[in-house]
Amino acid sequence: DPRHLSDISILYREHSQSLPLVIELIKKRIPVNVSSGKLPMDTKIMGDVMGIISMILDSKNPYLVETYLYKLFDSITKTEAKNIAIKMRQTGEVFSKFLNTRRMPVEKELKEAKMLWSLINKSTMPNITNLLLSKYEKANSFMFKSGSSDIEMVKAYLLSYPEYTYNEFAVYHNETLKWVKENTKSLDGVAFKTMHAAK
């Protein structure tokens, strides 16, 4: 007796418990119907992370620098990021050139920016994910006063592709995000519900 995917329901106490299985189904492009909770690939944090990666890879783009530099380095304010972007528009230089023109020395930021650029270009996901997310969480600590479960959720998503470099992952993520928006509320998909919502 053939069954439809919609005949299958997965119940769980907390959304985080369903995440590994949801990620695996999405990787296999099996439609799901997630009735509550967030998906890591479609969150503000994930958008910020991909923006930071784009900024590091495209270090002459003043818009990316203005939008994301202060979200990576907690020592750089939003106003300072904007001023660096203005100088970039005037000169066409990369953002690292202007990090050390501020009032205080920023050798640490310069070193970390270069290391992140090297890792994002050459290393696979596990070699950079913890560093990138820890810096993001520190720079945006005001967002995580009630805990960092969203960070852990995004980390689980990123680390579920250990064979990819960030360049490769960026391409895959864009394809996945488009698929997710079309297939994770599917009435014909595997249903994921909290036990509370299922009552």
N, C-alpha and C. Protein backbone atom coordinates (compact mmCIF):
# COMPACT_ATOMS: atom_id res chain seq x y z
N ASP A 1 0.86 -1.19 0.00
CA ASP A 1 0.00 0.00 0.00
C ASP A 1 0.90 1.24 0.00
N PRO A 2 1.05 1.92 -1.12
CA PRO A 2 1.92 3.08 -1.18
C PRO A 2 1.41 4.21 -0.30
N ARG A 3 2.33 4.89 0.36
CA ARG A 3 1.97 5.98 1.24
C ARG A 3 2.49 7.30 0.70
N HIS A 4 1.79 8.36 1.05
CA HIS A 4 2.24 9.71 0.71
C HIS A 4 3.15 10.22 1.82
N LEU A 5 4.06 11.11 1.47
CA LEU A 5 4.92 11.71 2.49
C LEU A 5 4.09 12.40 3.57
N SER A 6 2.95 12.95 3.19
CA SER A 6 2.11 13.66 4.15
C SER A 6 1.49 12.72 5.18
N ASP A 7 1.59 11.40 4.95
CA ASP A 7 1.10 10.44 5.95
C ASP A 7 2.09 10.27 7.10
N ILE A 8 3.28 10.85 6.96
CA ILE A 8 4.33 10.70 7.97
C ILE A 8 4.41 11.96 8.81
N SER A 9 4.37 11.81 10.13
CA SER A 9 4.52 12.94 11.05
C SER A 9 5.64 12.65 12.04
N ILE A 10 6.49 13.61 12.26
CA ILE A 10 7.57 13.50 13.23
C ILE A 10 7.24 14.44 14.39
N LEU A 11 7.11 13.89 15.59
CA LEU A 11 6.78 14.69 16.77
C LEU A 11 8.03 14.83 17.65
N TYR A 12 8.18 15.98 18.30
CA TYR A 12 9.34 16.22 19.15
C TYR A 12 8.97 17.24 20.22
N ARG A 13 9.72 17.24 21.30
CA ARG A 13 9.46 18.19 22.39
C ARG A 13 9.96 19.58 22.05
N GLU A 14 11.18 19.66 21.53
CA GLU A 14 11.80 20.95 21.21
C GLU A 14 12.23 20.95 19.75
N HIS A 15 12.15 22.12 19.15
CA HIS A 15 12.46 22.23 17.73
C HIS A 15 13.87 21.74 17.41
N SER A 16 14.81 21.99 18.31
CA SER A 16 16.21 21.61 18.06
C SER A 16 16.36 20.10 17.88
N GLN A 17 15.45 19.32 18.47
CA GLN A 17 15.54 17.87 18.35
C GLN A 17 15.26 17.39 16.93
N SER A 18 14.51 18.15 16.18
CA SER A 18 14.14 17.73 14.82
C SER A 18 15.17 18.16 13.79
N LEU A 19 16.08 19.06 14.19
CA LEU A 19 16.96 19.71 13.21
C LEU A 19 17.82 18.75 12.40
N PRO A 20 18.52 17.77 13.01
CA PRO A 20 19.36 16.88 12.19
C PRO A 20 18.58 16.16 11.10
N LEU A 21 17.38 15.68 11.43
CA LEU A 21 16.58 14.97 10.44
C LEU A 21 16.05 15.91 9.36
N VAL A 22 15.60 17.10 9.76
CA VAL A 22 15.13 18.08 8.78
C VAL A 22 16.24 18.42 7.79
N ILE A 23 17.45 18.66 8.30
CA ILE A 23 18.58 19.00 7.43
C ILE A 23 18.87 17.87 6.45
N GLU A 24 18.82 16.63 6.93
CA GLU A 24 19.10 15.49 6.04
C GLU A 24 18.04 15.38 4.95
N LEU A 25 16.77 15.58 5.30
CA LEU A 25 15.71 15.51 4.29
C LEU A 25 15.86 16.64 3.27
N ILE A 26 16.22 17.82 3.75
CA ILE A 26 16.41 18.94 2.83
C ILE A 26 17.59 18.67 1.90
N LYS A 27 18.68 18.10 2.44
CA LYS A 27 19.83 17.75 1.60
C LYS A 27 19.43 16.79 0.49
N LYS A 28 18.49 15.90 0.80
CA LYS A 28 18.03 14.91 -0.19
C LYS A 28 16.86 15.44 -1.01
N ARG A 29 16.49 16.71 -0.75
CA ARG A 29 15.40 17.38 -1.46
C ARG A 29 14.07 16.62 -1.30
N ILE A 30 13.81 16.16 -0.09
CA ILE A 30 12.53 15.54 0.25
C ILE A 30 11.65 16.60 0.90
N PRO A 31 10.50 16.92 0.34
CA PRO A 31 9.65 17.99 0.89
C PRO A 31 9.26 17.73 2.34
N VAL A 32 9.23 18.80 3.13
CA VAL A 32 8.83 18.71 4.53
C VAL A 32 7.81 19.80 4.82
N ASN A 33 7.04 19.58 5.86
CA ASN A 33 6.06 20.57 6.30
C ASN A 33 6.39 20.91 7.76
N VAL A 34 7.15 21.97 7.94
CA VAL A 34 7.57 22.38 9.28
C VAL A 34 6.57 23.40 9.79
N SER A 35 5.76 23.00 10.78
CA SER A 35 4.65 23.84 11.21
C SER A 35 5.04 24.85 12.28
N SER A 36 6.19 24.64 12.92
CA SER A 36 6.62 25.59 13.95
C SER A 36 8.15 25.62 14.01
N GLY A 37 8.67 26.68 14.59
CA GLY A 37 10.12 26.80 14.70
C GLY A 37 10.77 27.38 13.46
N LYS A 38 12.08 27.59 13.56
CA LYS A 38 12.85 28.18 12.47
C LYS A 38 13.69 27.13 11.77
N LEU A 39 14.04 27.44 10.54
CA LEU A 39 15.02 26.63 9.82
C LEU A 39 16.30 27.44 9.72
N PRO A 40 17.46 26.83 9.98
CA PRO A 40 18.70 27.60 10.07
C PRO A 40 19.08 28.34 8.81
N MET A 41 18.74 27.76 7.64
CA MET A 41 19.15 28.40 6.39
C MET A 41 18.29 29.62 6.04
N ASP A 42 17.23 29.85 6.81
CA ASP A 42 16.32 30.94 6.51
C ASP A 42 16.16 31.84 7.74
N THR A 43 17.28 32.20 8.37
CA THR A 43 17.25 33.05 9.56
C THR A 43 18.11 34.28 9.33
N LYS A 44 17.91 35.29 10.18
CA LYS A 44 18.72 36.52 10.10
C LYS A 44 20.19 36.21 10.31
N ILE A 45 20.49 35.31 11.26
CA ILE A 45 21.88 34.98 11.54
C ILE A 45 22.54 34.41 10.29
N MET A 46 21.84 33.49 9.61
CA MET A 46 22.42 32.87 8.42
C MET A 46 22.63 33.92 7.33
N GLY A 47 21.69 34.86 7.21
CA GLY A 47 21.85 35.94 6.24
C GLY A 47 23.08 36.79 6.56
N ASP A 48 23.27 37.08 7.85
CA ASP A 48 24.44 37.85 8.26
C ASP A 48 25.74 37.09 7.98
N VAL A 49 25.75 35.79 8.30
CA VAL A 49 26.95 34.98 8.08
C VAL A 49 27.33 34.96 6.61
N MET A 50 26.34 34.77 5.74
CA MET A 50 26.63 34.75 4.30
C MET A 50 27.08 36.13 3.82
N GLY A 51 26.52 37.19 4.43
CA GLY A 51 26.96 38.55 4.09
C GLY A 51 28.40 38.80 4.49
N ILE A 52 28.78 38.32 5.68
CA ILE A 52 30.16 38.46 6.16
C ILE A 52 31.12 37.72 5.23
N ILE A 53 30.73 36.51 4.84
CA ILE A 53 31.55 35.73 3.92
C ILE A 53 31.72 36.48 2.59
N SER A 54 30.62 37.03 2.08
CA SER A 54 30.69 37.80 0.83
C SER A 54 31.60 39.00 0.98
N MET A 55 31.55 39.67 2.14
CA MET A 55 32.40 40.83 2.38
C MET A 55 33.88 40.46 2.35
N ILE A 56 34.22 39.32 2.99
CA ILE A 56 35.62 38.90 3.03
C ILE A 56 36.11 38.52 1.63
N LEU A 57 35.25 37.86 0.87
CA LEU A 57 35.64 37.44 -0.48
C LEU A 57 35.66 38.61 -1.47
N ASP A 58 34.83 39.63 -1.21
CA ASP A 58 34.74 40.80 -2.10
C ASP A 58 35.13 42.02 -1.28
N SER A 59 36.40 42.11 -0.90
CA SER A 59 36.85 43.10 0.08
C SER A 59 36.92 44.53 -0.46
N LYS A 60 36.57 44.73 -1.74
CA LYS A 60 36.51 46.09 -2.30
C LYS A 60 35.07 46.61 -2.40
N ASN A 61 34.13 45.84 -1.88
CA ASN A 61 32.72 46.21 -1.98
C ASN A 61 32.32 47.05 -0.77
N PRO A 62 32.19 48.38 -0.91
CA PRO A 62 31.90 49.24 0.26
C PRO A 62 30.53 48.97 0.88
N TYR A 63 29.55 48.57 0.06
CA TYR A 63 28.23 48.28 0.63
C TYR A 63 28.31 47.12 1.62
N LEU A 64 29.02 46.04 1.24
CA LEU A 64 29.16 44.90 2.14
C LEU A 64 29.91 45.28 3.39
N VAL A 65 30.95 46.10 3.26
CA VAL A 65 31.73 46.54 4.42
C VAL A 65 30.87 47.37 5.36
N GLU A 66 30.11 48.31 4.81
CA GLU A 66 29.25 49.15 5.64
C GLU A 66 28.20 48.33 6.37
N THR A 67 27.71 47.28 5.73
CA THR A 67 26.62 46.47 6.28
C THR A 67 27.09 45.41 7.26
N TYR A 68 28.30 44.86 7.03
CA TYR A 68 28.68 43.67 7.80
C TYR A 68 29.96 43.78 8.62
N LEU A 69 30.81 44.79 8.39
CA LEU A 69 32.10 44.82 9.09
C LEU A 69 31.92 44.88 10.61
N TYR A 70 30.99 45.69 11.10
CA TYR A 70 30.78 45.82 12.54
C TYR A 70 30.08 44.59 13.13
N LYS A 71 29.52 43.75 12.25
CA LYS A 71 28.91 42.51 12.73
C LYS A 71 29.93 41.38 12.87
N LEU A 72 31.16 41.63 12.39
CA LEU A 72 32.23 40.65 12.51
C LEU A 72 33.21 41.02 13.62
N PHE A 73 33.55 42.31 13.74
CA PHE A 73 34.51 42.76 14.75
C PHE A 73 33.79 43.58 15.81
N ASP A 74 33.79 43.12 17.05
CA ASP A 74 33.09 43.84 18.12
C ASP A 74 33.76 45.16 18.46
N SER A 75 35.03 45.36 18.05
CA SER A 75 35.74 46.61 18.34
C SER A 75 35.44 47.70 17.32
N ILE A 76 34.71 47.38 16.27
CA ILE A 76 34.38 48.35 15.22
C ILE A 76 32.90 48.72 15.32
N THR A 77 32.61 50.01 15.39
CA THR A 77 31.23 50.45 15.51
C THR A 77 30.59 50.57 14.12
N LYS A 78 29.28 50.71 14.13
CA LYS A 78 28.54 50.87 12.88
C LYS A 78 28.99 52.15 12.16
N THR A 79 29.22 53.23 12.93
CA THR A 79 29.67 54.49 12.34
C THR A 79 31.05 54.35 11.72
N GLU A 80 31.96 53.64 12.41
CA GLU A 80 33.31 53.43 11.87
C GLU A 80 33.26 52.60 10.59
N ALA A 81 32.39 51.60 10.56
CA ALA A 81 32.24 50.79 9.34
C ALA A 81 31.76 51.66 8.18
N LYS A 82 30.84 52.57 8.47
CA LYS A 82 30.33 53.47 7.44
C LYS A 82 31.44 54.39 6.93
N ASN A 83 32.27 54.91 7.84
CA ASN A 83 33.36 55.80 7.44
C ASN A 83 34.40 55.06 6.59
N ILE A 84 34.68 53.81 6.95
CA ILE A 84 35.61 53.00 6.15
C ILE A 84 35.04 52.79 4.74
N ALA A 85 33.73 52.53 4.66
CA ALA A 85 33.08 52.33 3.36
C ALA A 85 33.16 53.59 2.51
N ILE A 86 33.02 54.76 3.15
CA ILE A 86 33.13 56.03 2.42
C ILE A 86 34.53 56.17 1.81
N LYS A 87 35.56 55.87 2.60
CA LYS A 87 36.93 55.95 2.11
C LYS A 87 37.16 54.97 0.97
N MET A 88 36.55 53.80 1.07
CA MET A 88 36.68 52.80 0.01
C MET A 88 36.07 53.31 -1.29
N ARG A 89 34.92 53.96 -1.20
CA ARG A 89 34.26 54.50 -2.40
C ARG A 89 35.13 55.58 -3.04
N GLN A 90 35.85 56.32 -2.21
CA GLN A 90 36.68 57.41 -2.71
C GLN A 90 37.97 56.91 -3.36
N THR A 91 38.49 55.78 -2.86
CA THR A 91 39.82 55.32 -3.30
C THR A 91 39.81 54.00 -4.07
N GLY A 92 38.75 53.18 -3.90
CA GLY A 92 38.72 51.87 -4.53
C GLY A 92 39.59 50.84 -3.83
N GLU A 93 40.05 51.15 -2.60
CA GLU A 93 40.91 50.24 -1.85
C GLU A 93 40.09 49.19 -1.11
N VAL A 94 40.77 48.13 -0.64
CA VAL A 94 40.13 47.08 0.15
C VAL A 94 39.94 47.58 1.59
N PHE A 95 38.99 46.97 2.32
CA PHE A 95 38.66 47.49 3.64
C PHE A 95 39.82 47.36 4.64
N SER A 96 40.67 46.34 4.49
CA SER A 96 41.75 46.14 5.46
C SER A 96 42.74 47.31 5.48
N LYS A 97 42.82 48.05 4.37
CA LYS A 97 43.73 49.20 4.31
C LYS A 97 43.35 50.27 5.32
N PHE A 98 42.05 50.36 5.65
CA PHE A 98 41.57 51.44 6.50
C PHE A 98 41.34 51.01 7.95
N LEU A 99 41.53 49.74 8.25
CA LEU A 99 41.34 49.31 9.62
C LEU A 99 42.32 50.01 10.56
N ASN A 100 43.55 50.22 10.10
CA ASN A 100 44.56 50.81 10.98
C ASN A 100 44.63 52.33 10.89
N THR A 101 43.62 52.96 10.30
CA THR A 101 43.58 54.43 10.28
C THR A 101 42.71 54.97 11.41
N ARG A 102 42.13 54.07 12.20
CA ARG A 102 41.29 54.49 13.31
C ARG A 102 42.16 54.94 14.49
N ARG A 103 41.50 55.41 15.55
CA ARG A 103 42.23 55.98 16.68
C ARG A 103 43.12 54.95 17.38
N MET A 104 42.72 53.69 17.41
CA MET A 104 43.47 52.68 18.14
C MET A 104 44.05 51.65 17.18
N PRO A 105 45.19 51.05 17.53
CA PRO A 105 45.75 50.01 16.65
C PRO A 105 44.84 48.79 16.58
N VAL A 106 44.77 48.19 15.42
CA VAL A 106 43.87 47.04 15.25
C VAL A 106 44.60 45.89 14.57
N GLU A 107 45.80 45.61 15.03
CA GLU A 107 46.57 44.52 14.44
C GLU A 107 45.81 43.20 14.54
N LYS A 108 45.08 43.03 15.64
CA LYS A 108 44.32 41.79 15.83
C LYS A 108 43.28 41.62 14.72
N GLU A 109 42.54 42.70 14.43
CA GLU A 109 41.52 42.63 13.38
C GLU A 109 42.14 42.37 12.02
N LEU A 110 43.27 43.02 11.73
CA LEU A 110 43.95 42.80 10.46
C LEU A 110 44.38 41.34 10.32
N LYS A 111 44.94 40.80 11.38
CA LYS A 111 45.41 39.42 11.37
C LYS A 111 44.24 38.46 11.17
N GLU A 112 43.14 38.72 11.91
CA GLU A 112 41.98 37.84 11.82
C GLU A 112 41.30 37.95 10.45
N ALA A 113 41.25 39.16 9.89
CA ALA A 113 40.65 39.35 8.56
C ALA A 113 41.41 38.54 7.52
N LYS A 114 42.75 38.60 7.59
CA LYS A 114 43.58 37.86 6.63
C LYS A 114 43.42 36.36 6.82
N MET A 115 43.34 35.93 8.09
CA MET A 115 43.19 34.50 8.37
C MET A 115 41.83 34.00 7.87
N LEU A 116 40.77 34.78 8.12
CA LEU A 116 39.44 34.40 7.65
C LEU A 116 39.40 34.34 6.13
N TRP A 117 40.03 35.29 5.47
CA TRP A 117 40.06 35.29 4.00
C TRP A 117 40.73 34.02 3.50
N SER A 118 41.86 33.67 4.10
CA SER A 118 42.60 32.48 3.68
C SER A 118 41.78 31.22 3.91
N LEU A 119 41.14 31.12 5.08
CA LEU A 119 40.36 29.94 5.41
C LEU A 119 39.13 29.80 4.53
N ILE A 120 38.44 30.92 4.31
CA ILE A 120 37.22 30.87 3.50
C ILE A 120 37.54 30.47 2.06
N ASN A 121 38.69 30.86 1.57
CA ASN A 121 39.07 30.52 0.21
C ASN A 121 39.56 29.08 0.06
N LYS A 122 40.18 28.53 1.12
CA LYS A 122 40.88 27.26 0.94
C LYS A 122 40.38 26.12 1.83
N SER A 123 39.88 26.42 3.01
CA SER A 123 39.59 25.36 3.98
C SER A 123 38.14 24.90 3.90
N THR A 124 37.90 23.71 4.44
CA THR A 124 36.54 23.19 4.50
C THR A 124 35.82 23.75 5.72
N MET A 125 34.52 23.54 5.76
CA MET A 125 33.65 24.19 6.74
C MET A 125 34.10 24.06 8.20
N PRO A 126 34.47 22.86 8.68
CA PRO A 126 34.80 22.74 10.11
C PRO A 126 35.97 23.60 10.54
N ASN A 127 36.85 23.97 9.63
CA ASN A 127 38.05 24.71 10.00
C ASN A 127 37.81 26.19 10.27
N ILE A 128 36.64 26.68 9.95
CA ILE A 128 36.39 28.12 10.13
C ILE A 128 35.07 28.41 10.85
N THR A 129 34.15 27.48 10.85
CA THR A 129 32.80 27.75 11.37
C THR A 129 32.82 28.23 12.82
N ASN A 130 33.53 27.54 13.70
CA ASN A 130 33.54 27.93 15.12
C ASN A 130 34.11 29.33 15.31
N LEU A 131 35.21 29.65 14.61
CA LEU A 131 35.81 30.98 14.71
C LEU A 131 34.86 32.05 14.20
N LEU A 132 34.28 31.82 13.05
CA LEU A 132 33.40 32.81 12.44
C LEU A 132 32.17 33.07 13.32
N LEU A 133 31.56 32.01 13.83
CA LEU A 133 30.35 32.18 14.63
C LEU A 133 30.65 32.75 16.01
N SER A 134 31.79 32.41 16.59
CA SER A 134 32.14 32.97 17.90
C SER A 134 32.38 34.47 17.79
N LYS A 135 33.02 34.91 16.70
CA LYS A 135 33.24 36.34 16.49
C LYS A 135 31.91 37.05 16.22
N TYR A 136 31.05 36.41 15.44
CA TYR A 136 29.74 37.01 15.15
C TYR A 136 28.92 37.14 16.44
N GLU A 137 28.92 36.10 17.27
CA GLU A 137 28.15 36.13 18.50
C GLU A 137 28.66 37.21 19.45
N LYS A 138 29.98 37.38 19.53
CA LYS A 138 30.57 38.40 20.40
C LYS A 138 30.23 39.80 19.90
N ALA A 139 30.30 40.01 18.59
CA ALA A 139 30.03 41.33 18.02
C ALA A 139 28.56 41.69 18.07
N ASN A 140 27.70 40.70 18.19
CA ASN A 140 26.24 40.92 18.18
C ASN A 140 25.60 40.36 19.45
N SER A 141 26.31 40.50 20.57
CA SER A 141 25.87 39.88 21.82
C SER A 141 24.49 40.36 22.26
N PHE A 142 24.12 41.59 21.88
CA PHE A 142 22.81 42.12 22.26
C PHE A 142 21.66 41.27 21.70
N MET A 143 21.94 40.50 20.64
CA MET A 143 20.90 39.68 20.03
C MET A 143 20.67 38.37 20.80
N PHE A 144 21.60 38.02 21.70
CA PHE A 144 21.58 36.69 22.28
C PHE A 144 21.42 36.70 23.79
N LYS A 145 20.66 37.65 24.31
CA LYS A 145 20.49 37.76 25.75
C LYS A 145 19.75 36.56 26.33
N SER A 146 18.90 35.94 25.56
CA SER A 146 18.13 34.80 26.06
C SER A 146 18.78 33.48 25.71
N GLY A 147 20.04 33.51 25.29
CA GLY A 147 20.72 32.26 24.92
C GLY A 147 21.10 32.27 23.46
N SER A 148 21.87 31.26 23.07
CA SER A 148 22.40 31.24 21.70
C SER A 148 21.94 30.00 20.94
N SER A 149 20.70 29.56 21.15
CA SER A 149 20.21 28.38 20.45
C SER A 149 20.19 28.58 18.95
N ASP A 150 19.93 29.82 18.50
CA ASP A 150 19.93 30.09 17.07
C ASP A 150 21.33 29.93 16.48
N ILE A 151 22.34 30.34 17.23
CA ILE A 151 23.73 30.16 16.80
C ILE A 151 24.03 28.67 16.65
N GLU A 152 23.62 27.88 17.63
CA GLU A 152 23.88 26.43 17.59
C GLU A 152 23.15 25.79 16.41
N MET A 153 21.96 26.29 16.09
CA MET A 153 21.19 25.77 14.97
C MET A 153 21.90 26.06 13.65
N VAL A 154 22.39 27.29 13.49
CA VAL A 154 23.13 27.66 12.29
C VAL A 154 24.43 26.85 12.19
N LYS A 155 25.10 26.66 13.34
CA LYS A 155 26.34 25.87 13.35
C LYS A 155 26.07 24.44 12.87
N ALA A 156 24.98 23.85 13.34
CA ALA A 156 24.63 22.48 12.92
C ALA A 156 24.43 22.41 11.41
N TYR A 157 23.80 23.44 10.85
CA TYR A 157 23.58 23.48 9.41
C TYR A 157 24.90 23.61 8.66
N LEU A 158 25.76 24.52 9.09
CA LEU A 158 27.04 24.72 8.41
C LEU A 158 27.92 23.48 8.49
N LEU A 159 27.93 22.83 9.64
CA LEU A 159 28.81 21.67 9.83
C LEU A 159 28.24 20.39 9.21
N SER A 160 27.03 20.46 8.69
CA SER A 160 26.47 19.27 8.04
C SER A 160 27.01 19.11 6.61
N TYR A 161 27.89 20.03 6.20
CA TYR A 161 28.54 19.96 4.89
C TYR A 161 30.06 20.04 5.07
N PRO A 162 30.65 19.08 5.78
CA PRO A 162 32.07 19.17 6.14
C PRO A 162 33.03 19.11 4.96
N GLU A 163 32.56 18.59 3.83
CA GLU A 163 33.45 18.44 2.68
C GLU A 163 33.53 19.71 1.84
N TYR A 164 32.66 20.69 2.09
CA TYR A 164 32.62 21.89 1.27
C TYR A 164 33.58 22.97 1.78
N THR A 165 34.12 23.76 0.87
CA THR A 165 34.72 25.04 1.25
C THR A 165 33.57 26.04 1.34
N TYR A 166 33.85 27.22 1.91
CA TYR A 166 32.78 28.22 2.00
C TYR A 166 32.36 28.72 0.63
N ASN A 167 33.29 28.77 -0.31
CA ASN A 167 32.93 29.15 -1.68
C ASN A 167 31.91 28.17 -2.25
N GLU A 168 32.18 26.89 -2.08
CA GLU A 168 31.27 25.85 -2.58
C GLU A 168 29.95 25.89 -1.82
N PHE A 169 30.04 26.09 -0.52
CA PHE A 169 28.83 26.12 0.30
C PHE A 169 27.93 27.29 -0.08
N ALA A 170 28.53 28.45 -0.39
CA ALA A 170 27.74 29.63 -0.74
C ALA A 170 26.84 29.35 -1.94
N VAL A 171 27.38 28.66 -2.94
CA VAL A 171 26.59 28.30 -4.12
C VAL A 171 25.48 27.34 -3.72
N TYR A 172 25.83 26.32 -2.93
CA TYR A 172 24.84 25.33 -2.50
C TYR A 172 23.76 25.99 -1.64
N HIS A 173 24.18 26.87 -0.74
CA HIS A 173 23.22 27.51 0.18
C HIS A 173 22.18 28.31 -0.59
N ASN A 174 22.59 29.06 -1.60
CA ASN A 174 21.65 29.86 -2.38
C ASN A 174 20.62 28.97 -3.07
N GLU A 175 21.07 27.83 -3.60
CA GLU A 175 20.15 26.88 -4.22
C GLU A 175 19.21 26.28 -3.18
N THR A 176 19.77 25.94 -2.02
CA THR A 176 18.99 25.32 -0.95
C THR A 176 17.94 26.28 -0.41
N LEU A 177 18.34 27.54 -0.21
CA LEU A 177 17.40 28.53 0.33
C LEU A 177 16.20 28.71 -0.60
N LYS A 178 16.45 28.74 -1.89
CA LYS A 178 15.34 28.84 -2.85
C LYS A 178 14.43 27.62 -2.75
N TRP A 179 15.04 26.43 -2.65
CA TRP A 179 14.25 25.20 -2.55
C TRP A 179 13.45 25.18 -1.25
N VAL A 180 14.08 25.61 -0.16
CA VAL A 180 13.42 25.62 1.15
C VAL A 180 12.18 26.49 1.14
N LYS A 181 12.28 27.66 0.53
CA LYS A 181 11.14 28.58 0.50
C LYS A 181 9.96 27.99 -0.27
N GLU A 182 10.26 27.06 -1.18
CA GLU A 182 9.21 26.47 -2.00
C GLU A 182 8.69 25.14 -1.46
N ASN A 183 9.47 24.48 -0.59
CA ASN A 183 9.15 23.09 -0.24
C ASN A 183 9.08 22.75 1.24
N THR A 184 9.22 23.73 2.13
CA THR A 184 9.18 23.39 3.56
C THR A 184 7.84 23.72 4.22
N LYS A 185 6.89 24.13 3.44
CA LYS A 185 5.52 24.28 3.94
C LYS A 185 4.58 23.42 3.10
N SER A 186 5.17 22.42 2.46
CA SER A 186 4.41 21.60 1.53
C SER A 186 3.42 20.71 2.25
N LEU A 187 2.17 20.77 1.84
CA LEU A 187 1.15 19.90 2.44
C LEU A 187 1.39 18.44 2.10
N ASP A 188 2.19 18.22 1.07
CA ASP A 188 2.51 16.85 0.66
C ASP A 188 3.84 16.37 1.24
N GLY A 189 4.44 17.14 2.15
CA GLY A 189 5.72 16.77 2.71
C GLY A 189 5.62 16.08 4.05
N VAL A 190 6.74 15.57 4.53
CA VAL A 190 6.82 14.97 5.86
C VAL A 190 6.53 16.05 6.90
N ALA A 191 5.58 15.79 7.79
CA ALA A 191 5.17 16.80 8.78
C ALA A 191 6.05 16.77 10.02
N PHE A 192 6.53 17.94 10.42
CA PHE A 192 7.31 18.08 11.65
C PHE A 192 6.52 18.97 12.60
N LYS A 193 6.21 18.45 13.78
CA LYS A 193 5.39 19.21 14.75
C LYS A 193 5.93 19.00 16.16
N THR A 194 5.83 20.05 16.98
CA THR A 194 6.10 19.85 18.40
C THR A 194 4.94 19.06 18.99
N MET A 195 5.20 18.34 20.06
CA MET A 195 4.13 17.57 20.70
C MET A 195 3.01 18.49 21.17
N HIS A 196 3.38 19.71 21.60
CA HIS A 196 2.36 20.66 22.03
C HIS A 196 1.46 21.06 20.87
N ALA A 197 2.07 21.34 19.70
CA ALA A 197 1.30 21.77 18.54
C ALA A 197 0.43 20.64 17.99
N ALA A 198 0.84 19.39 18.24
CA ALA A 198 0.12 18.26 17.68
C ALA A 198 -1.11 17.88 18.50
N LYS A 199 -1.21 18.42 19.72
CA LYS A 199 -2.35 18.06 20.58
C LYS A 199 -3.67 18.58 20.01
